Amino acid sequence: MITKPDRLYRIPASEATANRLYAGVDLGSNTFRLIIARLHDGRIEPVVKQLHAVRLGEALHRTGRLSEQAIRRALATLAGYRALLDRHRPTAVRICGTAALRAAANREEFLREAAVILGQAAEVIDGEEEARLSGIGAYAAMRARTPEPLLLADVGGGSSELLVATDSPNGPVITASVSLPLGAVHLSESFLHAEPPAARELAAMAAHIDEVMIPALAAMAPLPKTVVGIGGTATALAALDCNLSAYDGDRIQDHRLAGDTLDTILARLCRLTGIERNRLPGLGDGRGEIILGGLMIFLSLLRALPSPCLTVSDGGLLEGILLSAAGADGPA
């Protein structure tokens, strides 16, 4: 058995962060996530890490608003997060909302209620900041430095962030980034109605993704050879390929998914209903209902590149939010 080297977690050593707890909260379009952790000896040491499929962006593309059901689910989850924050009392907390909150006409109503529950306001970050934080979290989780630039692809529930970055002693240097209106929830709700999905629905979704993806990639050229997948879709696909019954971040980190492997997974998933997909290892908590949209985003991306292989990262936006809460997201 080959032992994989430790992840680097290249976090600036600082007396200011030593032995203190910090917290990050990601209010995603599909999933809410919380991490409370120490930054110790250059690494993130989680004390609490939770994930809940809230589906905040459910039906948002049709109505332009957060639904009452989605708001209730979200606020109930945040009440649980507040209890954990009160118990552990981190030195600093950063709470970030992404695509669903950027788009919702009634976001201020939700944010007011969320602030009362959490005891502090959540920020709605733009696509550029979301990409920056995702890149910081992904680089922090890497096991080895690489001098080569990377194409980091964070596929979320409501949007996808692409960025070209290069490692440096002071953290990743981002040379190009774009936020695309392509998300696993939005695409699945917009195009997939039959159970299992019909071939014509899948073809229409693939054509739409290509229509958005290909011009965006052309504008970012020249593109790196290595693609790193960030976010719940990427980690779920890795867990599915590894047949993991329970999530294992060390198994997920740096797992490679070739384009033909993703094609095989797609063919398998397309034969199942959403409920059946949810029963598969790695696709619980409603992920199976939206996984096809996210998977096809990655396939569109890989088809446009000379090296059709996806390297999966266990670190991303949540870890980037945590590091920014601790002030450890800038130069050492």
C-alpha atoms as a PDB file:
ATOM      1  CA  MET A   1       0.000   0.000   0.000  1.00  0.00           C
ATOM      2  CA  ILE A   2       1.372   3.409  -0.990  1.00  0.00           C
ATOM      3  CA  THR A   3       0.929   6.117   1.634  1.00  0.00           C
ATOM      4  CA  LYS A   4       0.001   9.452   0.139  1.00  0.00           C
ATOM      5  CA  PRO A   5       1.956  12.475   1.406  1.00  0.00           C
ATOM      6  CA  ASP A   6       0.226  14.876   3.769  1.00  0.00           C
ATOM      7  CA  ARG A   7      -1.622  17.787   2.296  1.00  0.00           C
ATOM      8  CA  LEU A   8       0.320  21.003   2.441  1.00  0.00           C
ATOM      9  CA  TYR A   9      -2.308  23.407   3.808  1.00  0.00           C
ATOM     10  CA  ARG A  10       0.085  26.261   3.157  1.00  0.00           C
ATOM     11  CA  ILE A  11      -1.278  28.638   5.777  1.00  0.00           C
ATOM     12  CA  PRO A  12       0.896  31.486   7.040  1.00  0.00           C
ATOM     13  CA  ALA A  13       2.174  30.736  10.544  1.00  0.00           C
ATOM     14  CA  SER A  14       1.045  33.503  12.849  1.00  0.00           C
ATOM     15  CA  GLU A  15       0.874  34.076  16.564  1.00  0.00           C
ATOM     16  CA  ALA A  16      -2.434  35.810  15.916  1.00  0.00           C
ATOM     17  CA  THR A  17      -4.066  32.574  14.714  1.00  0.00           C
ATOM     18  CA  ALA A  18      -2.278  30.084  16.976  1.00  0.00           C
ATOM     19  CA  ASN A  19      -4.608  27.835  18.971  1.00  0.00           C
ATOM     20  CA  ARG A  20      -7.676  29.899  18.117  1.00  0.00           C
ATOM     21  CA  LEU A  21     -10.866  28.691  16.479  1.00  0.00           C
ATOM     22  CA  TYR A  22     -12.225  30.255  13.308  1.00  0.00           C
ATOM     23  CA  ALA A  23     -15.390  29.513  11.366  1.00  0.00           C
ATOM     24  CA  GLY A  24     -16.631  29.704   7.812  1.00  0.00           C
ATOM     25  CA  VAL A  25     -20.188  29.318   6.542  1.00  0.00           C
ATOM     26  CA  ASP A  26     -21.046  28.768   2.873  1.00  0.00           C
ATOM     27  CA  LEU A  27     -24.658  29.569   1.951  1.00  0.00           C
ATOM     28  CA  GLY A  28     -24.688  27.784  -1.397  1.00  0.00           C
ATOM     29  CA  SER A  29     -27.490  27.484  -3.917  1.00  0.00           C
ATOM     30  CA  ASN A  30     -27.865  23.783  -3.159  1.00  0.00           C
ATOM     31  CA  THR A  31     -25.873  23.143   0.013  1.00  0.00           C
ATOM     32  CA  PHE A  32     -25.154  25.014   3.230  1.00  0.00           C
ATOM     33  CA  ARG A  33     -21.843  24.134   4.896  1.00  0.00           C
ATOM     34  CA  LEU A  34     -20.173  25.024   8.181  1.00  0.00           C
ATOM     35  CA  ILE A  35     -16.576  24.551   9.309  1.00  0.00           C
ATOM     36  CA  ILE A  36     -15.102  25.459  12.691  1.00  0.00           C
ATOM     37  CA  ALA A  37     -11.383  24.787  12.828  1.00  0.00           C
ATOM     38  CA  ARG A  38      -7.968  25.622  14.221  1.00  0.00           C
ATOM     39  CA  LEU A  39      -5.088  26.727  12.026  1.00  0.00           C
ATOM     40  CA  HIS A  40      -2.221  24.839  13.605  1.00  0.00           C
ATOM     41  CA  ASP A  41       1.251  24.059  12.297  1.00  0.00           C
ATOM     42  CA  GLY A  42       0.314  25.232   8.830  1.00  0.00           C
ATOM     43  CA  ARG A  43      -2.811  23.116   8.490  1.00  0.00           C
ATOM     44  CA  ILE A  44      -6.543  23.257   8.984  1.00  0.00           C
ATOM     45  CA  GLU A  45      -7.699  21.100  11.892  1.00  0.00           C
ATOM     46  CA  PRO A  46     -11.520  20.897  11.793  1.00  0.00           C
ATOM     47  CA  VAL A  47     -13.423  20.684  15.061  1.00  0.00           C
ATOM     48  CA  VAL A  48     -16.824  20.754  13.347  1.00  0.00           C
ATOM     49  CA  LYS A  49     -17.639  20.277   9.676  1.00  0.00           C
ATOM     50  CA  GLN A  50     -21.251  19.966   8.533  1.00  0.00           C
ATOM     51  CA  LEU A  51     -23.118  19.890   5.224  1.00  0.00           C
ATOM     52  CA  HIS A  52     -26.859  20.193   4.621  1.00  0.00           C
ATOM     53  CA  ALA A  53     -28.728  19.990   1.303  1.00  0.00           C
ATOM     54  CA  VAL A  54     -30.944  23.062   1.711  1.00  0.00           C
ATOM     55  CA  ARG A  55     -31.707  23.637  -1.997  1.00  0.00           C
ATOM     56  CA  LEU A  56     -31.951  27.399  -1.467  1.00  0.00           C
ATOM     57  CA  GLY A  57     -32.080  28.008  -5.221  1.00  0.00           C
ATOM     58  CA  GLU A  58     -35.009  25.645  -5.820  1.00  0.00           C
ATOM     59  CA  ALA A  59     -37.273  27.057  -8.600  1.00  0.00           C
ATOM     60  CA  LEU A  60     -35.361  30.358  -8.474  1.00  0.00           C
ATOM     61  CA  HIS A  61     -34.811  30.394 -12.246  1.00  0.00           C
ATOM     62  CA  ARG A  62     -38.598  30.347 -12.784  1.00  0.00           C
ATOM     63  CA  THR A  63     -39.730  32.821 -10.132  1.00  0.00           C
ATOM     64  CA  GLY A  64     -36.711  35.010  -9.479  1.00  0.00           C
ATOM     65  CA  ARG A  65     -37.371  34.583  -5.762  1.00  0.00           C
ATOM     66  CA  LEU A  66     -36.419  32.274  -2.919  1.00  0.00           C
ATOM     67  CA  SER A  67     -39.421  30.084  -2.129  1.00  0.00           C
ATOM     68  CA  GLU A  68     -41.003  30.056   1.329  1.00  0.00           C
ATOM     69  CA  GLN A  69     -40.134  26.356   1.653  1.00  0.00           C
ATOM     70  CA  ALA A  70     -36.485  26.976   0.762  1.00  0.00           C
ATOM     71  CA  ILE A  71     -36.271  29.858   3.238  1.00  0.00           C
ATOM     72  CA  ARG A  72     -37.733  27.703   6.019  1.00  0.00           C
ATOM     73  CA  ARG A  73     -35.249  24.911   5.302  1.00  0.00           C
ATOM     74  CA  ALA A  74     -32.382  27.396   5.228  1.00  0.00           C
ATOM     75  CA  LEU A  75     -33.295  29.164   8.469  1.00  0.00           C
ATOM     76  CA  ALA A  76     -33.772  25.864  10.308  1.00  0.00           C
ATOM     77  CA  THR A  77     -30.265  24.831   9.219  1.00  0.00           C
ATOM     78  CA  LEU A  78     -28.816  28.161  10.319  1.00  0.00           C
ATOM     79  CA  ALA A  79     -30.388  27.758  13.763  1.00  0.00           C
ATOM     80  CA  GLY A  80     -28.372  24.565  14.127  1.00  0.00           C
ATOM     81  CA  TYR A  81     -25.231  26.366  12.978  1.00  0.00           C
ATOM     82  CA  ARG A  82     -25.799  29.135  15.548  1.00  0.00           C
ATOM     83  CA  ALA A  83     -25.955  26.539  18.329  1.00  0.00           C
ATOM     84  CA  LEU A  84     -22.598  25.131  17.210  1.00  0.00           C
ATOM     85  CA  LEU A  85     -21.045  28.595  16.921  1.00  0.00           C
ATOM     86  CA  ASP A  86     -22.262  29.485  20.415  1.00  0.00           C
ATOM     87  CA  ARG A  87     -20.844  26.263  21.793  1.00  0.00           C
ATOM     88  CA  HIS A  88     -17.374  26.661  20.257  1.00  0.00           C
ATOM     89  CA  ARG A  89     -17.148  30.487  20.272  1.00  0.00           C
ATOM     90  CA  PRO A  90     -14.711  30.989  17.368  1.00  0.00           C
ATOM     91  CA  THR A  91     -12.578  34.132  17.320  1.00  0.00           C
ATOM     92  CA  ALA A  92     -13.929  35.175  13.915  1.00  0.00           C
ATOM     93  CA  VAL A  93     -16.681  33.963  11.602  1.00  0.00           C
ATOM     94  CA  ARG A  94     -17.255  34.732   7.933  1.00  0.00           C
ATOM     95  CA  ILE A  95     -20.583  33.871   6.303  1.00  0.00           C
ATOM     96  CA  CYS A  96     -20.831  34.030   2.502  1.00  0.00           C
ATOM     97  CA  GLY A  97     -23.791  33.654   0.160  1.00  0.00           C
ATOM     98  CA  THR A  98     -23.313  32.840  -3.513  1.00  0.00           C
ATOM     99  CA  ALA A  99     -25.330  32.522  -6.740  1.00  0.00           C
ATOM    100  CA  ALA A 100     -28.851  32.004  -5.358  1.00  0.00           C
ATOM    101  CA  LEU A 101     -28.537  35.031  -3.094  1.00  0.00           C
ATOM    102  CA  ARG A 102     -26.961  37.079  -5.875  1.00  0.00           C
ATOM    103  CA  ALA A 103     -30.009  36.422  -8.047  1.00  0.00           C
ATOM    104  CA  ALA A 104     -32.997  36.371  -5.677  1.00  0.00           C
ATOM    105  CA  ALA A 105     -35.226  39.443  -5.656  1.00  0.00           C
ATOM    106  CA  ASN A 106     -36.200  38.758  -2.027  1.00  0.00           C
ATOM    107  CA  ARG A 107     -32.698  38.111  -0.739  1.00  0.00           C
ATOM    108  CA  GLU A 108     -32.797  41.015   1.729  1.00  0.00           C
ATOM    109  CA  GLU A 109     -35.781  39.475   3.494  1.00  0.00           C
ATOM    110  CA  PHE A 110     -33.869  36.217   3.912  1.00  0.00           C
ATOM    111  CA  LEU A 111     -30.634  37.956   4.929  1.00  0.00           C
ATOM    112  CA  ARG A 112     -32.398  39.936   7.671  1.00  0.00           C
ATOM    113  CA  GLU A 113     -33.844  36.776   9.186  1.00  0.00           C
ATOM    114  CA  ALA A 114     -30.549  34.939   8.804  1.00  0.00           C
ATOM    115  CA  ALA A 115     -28.664  37.737  10.577  1.00  0.00           C
ATOM    116  CA  VAL A 116     -31.026  37.553  13.544  1.00  0.00           C
ATOM    117  CA  ILE A 117     -30.487  33.800  13.838  1.00  0.00           C
ATOM    118  CA  LEU A 118     -26.707  33.868  13.324  1.00  0.00           C
ATOM    119  CA  GLY A 119     -25.989  37.028  15.282  1.00  0.00           C
ATOM    120  CA  GLN A 120     -24.124  38.614  12.391  1.00  0.00           C
ATOM    121  CA  ALA A 121     -24.743  39.521   8.778  1.00  0.00           C
ATOM    122  CA  ALA A 122     -23.946  37.255   5.857  1.00  0.00           C
ATOM    123  CA  GLU A 123     -22.119  38.701   2.858  1.00  0.00           C
ATOM    124  CA  VAL A 124     -23.346  38.068  -0.658  1.00  0.00           C
ATOM    125  CA  ILE A 125     -20.074  37.726  -2.542  1.00  0.00           C
ATOM    126  CA  ASP A 126     -19.688  38.249  -6.266  1.00  0.00           C
ATOM    127  CA  GLY A 127     -18.416  35.623  -8.674  1.00  0.00           C
ATOM    128  CA  GLU A 128     -14.878  37.020  -8.626  1.00  0.00           C
ATOM    129  CA  GLU A 129     -14.588  36.716  -4.832  1.00  0.00           C
ATOM    130  CA  GLU A 130     -16.191  33.272  -4.922  1.00  0.00           C
ATOM    131  CA  ALA A 131     -13.581  32.147  -7.448  1.00  0.00           C
ATOM    132  CA  ARG A 132     -10.734  33.654  -5.396  1.00  0.00           C
ATOM    133  CA  LEU A 133     -11.820  31.914  -2.196  1.00  0.00           C
ATOM    134  CA  SER A 134     -12.383  28.615  -4.009  1.00  0.00           C
ATOM    135  CA  GLY A 135      -8.862  28.798  -5.407  1.00  0.00           C
ATOM    136  CA  ILE A 136      -7.355  29.536  -2.000  1.00  0.00           C
ATOM    137  CA  GLY A 137      -9.178  26.565  -0.466  1.00  0.00           C
ATOM    138  CA  ALA A 138      -8.189  24.233  -3.294  1.00  0.00           C
ATOM    139  CA  TYR A 139      -4.515  25.172  -3.147  1.00  0.00           C
ATOM    140  CA  ALA A 140      -4.527  24.813   0.645  1.00  0.00           C
ATOM    141  CA  ALA A 141      -5.629  21.171   0.303  1.00  0.00           C
ATOM    142  CA  MET A 142      -3.052  20.121  -2.289  1.00  0.00           C
ATOM    143  CA  ARG A 143      -0.519  17.444  -1.406  1.00  0.00           C
ATOM    144  CA  ALA A 144       2.288  18.760  -3.577  1.00  0.00           C
ATOM    145  CA  ARG A 145       3.343  22.040  -5.083  1.00  0.00           C
ATOM    146  CA  THR A 146       3.286  22.399  -8.832  1.00  0.00           C
ATOM    147  CA  PRO A 147       4.879  25.223 -10.819  1.00  0.00           C
ATOM    148  CA  GLU A 148       2.403  24.678 -13.638  1.00  0.00           C
ATOM    149  CA  PRO A 149      -0.739  26.795 -13.925  1.00  0.00           C
ATOM    150  CA  LEU A 150      -4.033  25.076 -13.135  1.00  0.00           C
ATOM    151  CA  LEU A 151      -7.559  25.515 -14.416  1.00  0.00           C
ATOM    152  CA  LEU A 152      -9.771  25.385 -11.321  1.00  0.00           C
ATOM    153  CA  ALA A 153     -13.443  24.654 -11.950  1.00  0.00           C
ATOM    154  CA  ASP A 154     -15.905  25.127  -9.081  1.00  0.00           C
ATOM    155  CA  VAL A 155     -19.290  23.774 -10.195  1.00  0.00           C
ATOM    156  CA  GLY A 156     -21.992  24.872  -7.781  1.00  0.00           C
ATOM    157  CA  GLY A 157     -25.746  24.725  -7.566  1.00  0.00           C
ATOM    158  CA  GLY A 158     -26.405  28.094  -9.195  1.00  0.00           C
ATOM    159  CA  SER A 159     -23.188  29.046 -10.988  1.00  0.00           C
ATOM    160  CA  SER A 160     -19.769  27.774 -11.995  1.00  0.00           C
ATOM    161  CA  GLU A 161     -16.521  29.620 -11.394  1.00  0.00           C
ATOM    162  CA  LEU A 162     -13.510  29.008 -13.630  1.00  0.00           C
ATOM    163  CA  LEU A 163     -10.093  30.425 -12.841  1.00  0.00           C
ATOM    164  CA  VAL A 164      -6.552  30.048 -14.073  1.00  0.00           C
ATOM    165  CA  ALA A 165      -4.079  30.163 -11.196  1.00  0.00           C
ATOM    166  CA  THR A 166      -0.388  29.583 -10.499  1.00  0.00           C
ATOM    167  CA  ASP A 167       1.144  28.713  -7.143  1.00  0.00           C
ATOM    168  CA  SER A 168       3.486  31.146  -5.388  1.00  0.00           C
ATOM    169  CA  PRO A 169       5.061  31.454  -1.932  1.00  0.00           C
ATOM    170  CA  ASN A 170       2.384  34.022  -1.085  1.00  0.00           C
ATOM    171  CA  GLY A 171      -0.527  31.889  -2.270  1.00  0.00           C
ATOM    172  CA  PRO A 172      -2.198  31.310  -5.641  1.00  0.00           C
ATOM    173  CA  VAL A 173      -1.918  34.029  -8.260  1.00  0.00           C
ATOM    174  CA  ILE A 174      -5.083  34.210 -10.360  1.00  0.00           C
ATOM    175  CA  THR A 175      -4.490  35.345 -13.927  1.00  0.00           C
ATOM    176  CA  ALA A 176      -7.993  34.840 -15.339  1.00  0.00           C
ATOM    177  CA  SER A 177     -11.417  34.081 -13.906  1.00  0.00           C
ATOM    178  CA  VAL A 178     -15.053  33.980 -14.973  1.00  0.00           C
ATOM    179  CA  SER A 179     -18.351  33.181 -13.285  1.00  0.00           C
ATOM    180  CA  LEU A 180     -20.774  31.319 -15.557  1.00  0.00           C
ATOM    181  CA  PRO A 181     -24.574  31.086 -15.152  1.00  0.00           C
ATOM    182  CA  LEU A 182     -24.333  27.294 -15.156  1.00  0.00           C
ATOM    183  CA  GLY A 183     -25.276  25.424 -12.002  1.00  0.00           C
ATOM    184  CA  ALA A 184     -26.345  21.887 -11.166  1.00  0.00           C
ATOM    185  CA  VAL A 185     -29.692  22.914  -9.635  1.00  0.00           C
ATOM    186  CA  HIS A 186     -30.642  25.406 -12.335  1.00  0.00           C
ATOM    187  CA  LEU A 187     -29.748  23.090 -15.216  1.00  0.00           C
ATOM    188  CA  SER A 188     -31.444  20.033 -13.749  1.00  0.00           C
ATOM    189  CA  GLU A 189     -34.651  21.928 -13.027  1.00  0.00           C
ATOM    190  CA  SER A 190     -34.648  23.678 -16.421  1.00  0.00           C
ATOM    191  CA  PHE A 191     -33.965  20.720 -18.701  1.00  0.00           C
ATOM    192  CA  LEU A 192     -34.658  17.411 -16.963  1.00  0.00           C
ATOM    193  CA  HIS A 193     -38.320  16.567 -16.415  1.00  0.00           C
ATOM    194  CA  ALA A 194     -38.731  12.887 -17.333  1.00  0.00           C
ATOM    195  CA  GLU A 195     -37.735  10.101 -14.929  1.00  0.00           C
ATOM    196  CA  PRO A 196     -35.280   8.753 -15.996  1.00  0.00           C
ATOM    197  CA  PRO A 197     -34.281  11.748 -18.162  1.00  0.00           C
ATOM    198  CA  ALA A 198     -35.110  11.582 -21.868  1.00  0.00           C
ATOM    199  CA  ALA A 199     -32.341  11.624 -24.453  1.00  0.00           C
ATOM    200  CA  ARG A 200     -33.700  14.824 -26.002  1.00  0.00           C
ATOM    201  CA  GLU A 201     -33.601  16.560 -22.602  1.00  0.00           C
ATOM    202  CA  LEU A 202     -29.982  15.589 -22.055  1.00  0.00           C
ATOM    203  CA  ALA A 203     -29.049  16.709 -25.567  1.00  0.00           C
ATOM    204  CA  ALA A 204     -30.710  20.091 -25.046  1.00  0.00           C
ATOM    205  CA  MET A 205     -28.920  20.586 -21.727  1.00  0.00           C
ATOM    206  CA  ALA A 206     -25.553  19.620 -23.245  1.00  0.00           C
ATOM    207  CA  ALA A 207     -26.063  22.070 -26.129  1.00  0.00           C
ATOM    208  CA  HIS A 208     -26.918  24.890 -23.720  1.00  0.00           C
ATOM    209  CA  ILE A 209     -23.860  24.208 -21.559  1.00  0.00           C
ATOM    210  CA  ASP A 210     -21.575  24.184 -24.605  1.00  0.00           C
ATOM    211  CA  GLU A 211     -23.121  27.441 -25.813  1.00  0.00           C
ATOM    212  CA  VAL A 212     -22.077  29.138 -22.570  1.00  0.00           C
ATOM    213  CA  MET A 213     -18.871  27.226 -21.847  1.00  0.00           C
ATOM    214  CA  ILE A 214     -17.003  27.299 -25.161  1.00  0.00           C
ATOM    215  CA  PRO A 215     -16.883  31.121 -25.629  1.00  0.00           C
ATOM    216  CA  ALA A 216     -15.859  31.550 -21.982  1.00  0.00           C
ATOM    217  CA  LEU A 217     -12.948  29.142 -22.363  1.00  0.00           C
ATOM    218  CA  ALA A 218     -11.887  30.790 -25.632  1.00  0.00           C
ATOM    219  CA  ALA A 219     -11.689  34.137 -23.830  1.00  0.00           C
ATOM    220  CA  MET A 220      -9.407  32.593 -21.171  1.00  0.00           C
ATOM    221  CA  ALA A 221      -6.966  31.001 -23.644  1.00  0.00           C
ATOM    222  CA  PRO A 222      -4.287  29.738 -23.477  1.00  0.00           C
ATOM    223  CA  LEU A 223      -5.619  27.224 -20.970  1.00  0.00           C
ATOM    224  CA  PRO A 224      -3.593  25.036 -18.589  1.00  0.00           C
ATOM    225  CA  LYS A 225      -3.352  21.307 -19.177  1.00  0.00           C
ATOM    226  CA  THR A 226      -4.488  20.327 -15.667  1.00  0.00           C
ATOM    227  CA  VAL A 227      -8.102  20.774 -14.569  1.00  0.00           C
ATOM    228  CA  VAL A 228      -8.997  20.681 -10.876  1.00  0.00           C
ATOM    229  CA  GLY A 229     -12.633  20.068  -9.957  1.00  0.00           C
ATOM    230  CA  ILE A 230     -13.944  21.831  -6.853  1.00  0.00           C
ATOM    231  CA  GLY A 231     -17.279  21.562  -5.082  1.00  0.00           C
ATOM    232  CA  GLY A 232     -19.986  19.038  -4.317  1.00  0.00           C
ATOM    233  CA  THR A 233     -20.460  17.711  -7.836  1.00  0.00           C
ATOM    234  CA  ALA A 234     -16.750  16.929  -8.240  1.00  0.00           C
ATOM    235  CA  THR A 235     -16.399  15.274  -4.832  1.00  0.00           C
ATOM    236  CA  ALA A 236     -19.625  13.290  -5.310  1.00  0.00           C
ATOM    237  CA  LEU A 237     -18.388  11.956  -8.647  1.00  0.00           C
ATOM    238  CA  ALA A 238     -15.096  10.925  -7.036  1.00  0.00           C
ATOM    239  CA  ALA A 239     -16.947   9.237  -4.168  1.00  0.00           C
ATOM    240  CA  LEU A 240     -19.132   7.410  -6.676  1.00  0.00           C
ATOM    241  CA  ASP A 241     -16.123   6.267  -8.701  1.00  0.00           C
ATOM    242  CA  CYS A 242     -14.400   5.068  -5.504  1.00  0.00           C
ATOM    243  CA  ASN A 243     -17.618   3.406  -4.325  1.00  0.00           C
ATOM    244  CA  LEU A 244     -17.331   5.107  -0.942  1.00  0.00           C
ATOM    245  CA  SER A 245     -20.138   4.317   1.487  1.00  0.00           C
ATOM    246  CA  ALA A 246     -18.959   7.185   3.731  1.00  0.00           C
ATOM    247  CA  TYR A 247     -17.217  10.367   2.638  1.00  0.00           C
ATOM    248  CA  ASP A 248     -13.423  10.235   2.974  1.00  0.00           C
ATOM    249  CA  GLY A 249     -11.677  13.485   2.097  1.00  0.00           C
ATOM    250  CA  ASP A 250      -8.258  11.849   1.918  1.00  0.00           C
ATOM    251  CA  ARG A 251      -9.534   9.385  -0.686  1.00  0.00           C
ATOM    252  CA  ILE A 252     -11.233  12.179  -2.608  1.00  0.00           C
ATOM    253  CA  GLN A 253      -8.243  14.540  -2.668  1.00  0.00           C
ATOM    254  CA  ASP A 254      -6.350  14.247  -5.980  1.00  0.00           C
ATOM    255  CA  HIS A 255      -8.609  11.462  -7.279  1.00  0.00           C
ATOM    256  CA  ARG A 256      -8.474  11.515 -11.071  1.00  0.00           C
ATOM    257  CA  LEU A 257     -11.501  11.132 -13.309  1.00  0.00           C
ATOM    258  CA  ALA A 258     -10.779  10.608 -17.005  1.00  0.00           C
ATOM    259  CA  GLY A 259     -13.268  11.858 -19.559  1.00  0.00           C
ATOM    260  CA  ASP A 260     -14.260   8.337 -20.575  1.00  0.00           C
ATOM    261  CA  THR A 261     -14.843   7.474 -16.901  1.00  0.00           C
ATOM    262  CA  LEU A 262     -17.224  10.409 -16.613  1.00  0.00           C
ATOM    263  CA  ASP A 263     -18.985   9.266 -19.801  1.00  0.00           C
ATOM    264  CA  THR A 264     -19.467   5.829 -18.229  1.00  0.00           C
ATOM    265  CA  ILE A 265     -20.803   7.356 -15.017  1.00  0.00           C
ATOM    266  CA  LEU A 266     -23.175   9.558 -17.023  1.00  0.00           C
ATOM    267  CA  ALA A 267     -24.550   6.584 -18.951  1.00  0.00           C
ATOM    268  CA  ARG A 268     -25.111   4.727 -15.689  1.00  0.00           C
ATOM    269  CA  LEU A 269     -26.824   7.644 -13.940  1.00  0.00           C
ATOM    270  CA  CYS A 270     -29.060   8.456 -16.909  1.00  0.00           C
ATOM    271  CA  ARG A 271     -30.718   5.051 -16.605  1.00  0.00           C
ATOM    272  CA  LEU A 272     -31.884   5.861 -13.075  1.00  0.00           C
ATOM    273  CA  THR A 273     -34.493   8.147 -11.555  1.00  0.00           C
ATOM    274  CA  GLY A 274     -33.488  10.898  -9.151  1.00  0.00           C
ATOM    275  CA  ILE A 275     -34.615   8.840  -6.174  1.00  0.00           C
ATOM    276  CA  GLU A 276     -32.602   5.850  -7.395  1.00  0.00           C
ATOM    277  CA  ARG A 277     -29.519   8.031  -7.885  1.00  0.00           C
ATOM    278  CA  ASN A 278     -29.881   9.309  -4.314  1.00  0.00           C
ATOM    279  CA  ARG A 279     -29.447   5.746  -3.056  1.00  0.00           C
ATOM    280  CA  LEU A 280     -26.020   5.384  -4.661  1.00  0.00           C
ATOM    281  CA  PRO A 281     -22.891   5.707  -2.481  1.00  0.00           C
ATOM    282  CA  GLY A 282     -21.815   9.346  -2.342  1.00  0.00           C
ATOM    283  CA  LEU A 283     -25.073  10.750  -3.724  1.00  0.00           C
ATOM    284  CA  GLY A 284     -27.244  11.095  -0.635  1.00  0.00           C
ATOM    285  CA  ASP A 285     -28.936  14.258   0.687  1.00  0.00           C
ATOM    286  CA  GLY A 286     -30.609  14.986  -2.657  1.00  0.00           C
ATOM    287  CA  ARG A 287     -27.351  15.153  -4.650  1.00  0.00           C
ATOM    288  CA  GLY A 288     -28.597  12.446  -7.012  1.00  0.00           C
ATOM    289  CA  GLU A 289     -31.425  14.705  -8.180  1.00  0.00           C
ATOM    290  CA  ILE A 290     -29.042  17.354  -9.531  1.00  0.00           C
ATOM    291  CA  ILE A 291     -25.834  15.447 -10.265  1.00  0.00           C
ATOM    292  CA  LEU A 292     -26.496  15.163 -14.011  1.00  0.00           C
ATOM    293  CA  GLY A 293     -26.391  18.921 -14.500  1.00  0.00           C
ATOM    294  CA  GLY A 294     -23.081  19.259 -12.679  1.00  0.00           C
ATOM    295  CA  LEU A 295     -21.576  16.220 -14.393  1.00  0.00           C
ATOM    296  CA  MET A 296     -22.411  17.556 -17.833  1.00  0.00           C
ATOM    297  CA  ILE A 297     -20.765  20.888 -16.999  1.00  0.00           C
ATOM    298  CA  PHE A 298     -17.523  19.036 -16.303  1.00  0.00           C
ATOM    299  CA  LEU A 299     -17.902  16.973 -19.486  1.00  0.00           C
ATOM    300  CA  SER A 300     -18.378  20.133 -21.551  1.00  0.00           C
ATOM    301  CA  LEU A 301     -15.254  21.590 -19.974  1.00  0.00           C
ATOM    302  CA  LEU A 302     -13.123  18.497 -20.586  1.00  0.00           C
ATOM    303  CA  ARG A 303     -14.254  18.138 -24.211  1.00  0.00           C
ATOM    304  CA  ALA A 304     -12.799  21.566 -24.921  1.00  0.00           C
ATOM    305  CA  LEU A 305      -9.372  20.753 -23.464  1.00  0.00           C
ATOM    306  CA  PRO A 306      -6.448  18.724 -24.823  1.00  0.00           C
ATOM    307  CA  SER A 307      -6.094  16.637 -21.624  1.00  0.00           C
ATOM    308  CA  PRO A 308      -9.565  15.329 -20.763  1.00  0.00           C
ATOM    309  CA  CYS A 309      -8.957  14.410 -17.127  1.00  0.00           C
ATOM    310  CA  LEU A 310     -10.333  15.934 -13.940  1.00  0.00           C
ATOM    311  CA  THR A 311      -8.322  16.011 -10.706  1.00  0.00           C
ATOM    312  CA  VAL A 312     -10.695  16.360  -7.741  1.00  0.00           C
ATOM    313  CA  SER A 313     -10.067  18.644  -4.760  1.00  0.00           C
ATOM    314  CA  ASP A 314     -11.540  18.093  -1.311  1.00  0.00           C
ATOM    315  CA  GLY A 315     -10.812  21.738  -0.475  1.00  0.00           C
ATOM    316  CA  GLY A 316     -12.521  24.732  -1.981  1.00  0.00           C
ATOM    317  CA  LEU A 317     -14.840  27.606  -1.174  1.00  0.00           C
ATOM    318  CA  LEU A 318     -15.610  26.616   2.438  1.00  0.00           C
ATOM    319  CA  GLU A 319     -11.927  26.355   3.337  1.00  0.00           C
ATOM    320  CA  GLY A 320     -11.254  29.639   1.547  1.00  0.00           C
ATOM    321  CA  ILE A 321     -13.973  31.344   3.595  1.00  0.00           C
ATOM    322  CA  LEU A 322     -12.454  29.929   6.782  1.00  0.00           C
ATOM    323  CA  LEU A 323      -8.971  31.139   5.886  1.00  0.00           C
ATOM    324  CA  SER A 324     -10.284  34.606   5.049  1.00  0.00           C
ATOM    325  CA  ALA A 325     -12.069  34.739   8.422  1.00  0.00           C
ATOM    326  CA  ALA A 326      -8.674  34.142  10.043  1.00  0.00           C
ATOM    327  CA  GLY A 327      -6.960  36.674   7.810  1.00  0.00           C
ATOM    328  CA  ALA A 328      -4.866  33.874   6.334  1.00  0.00           C
ATOM    329  CA  ASP A 329      -5.965  34.270   2.734  1.00  0.00           C
ATOM    330  CA  GLY A 330      -3.375  36.835   1.718  1.00  0.00           C
ATOM    331  CA  PRO A 331       0.416  37.009   1.469  1.00  0.00           C
ATOM    332  CA  ALA A 332       2.367  35.378   4.249  1.00  0.00           C
END
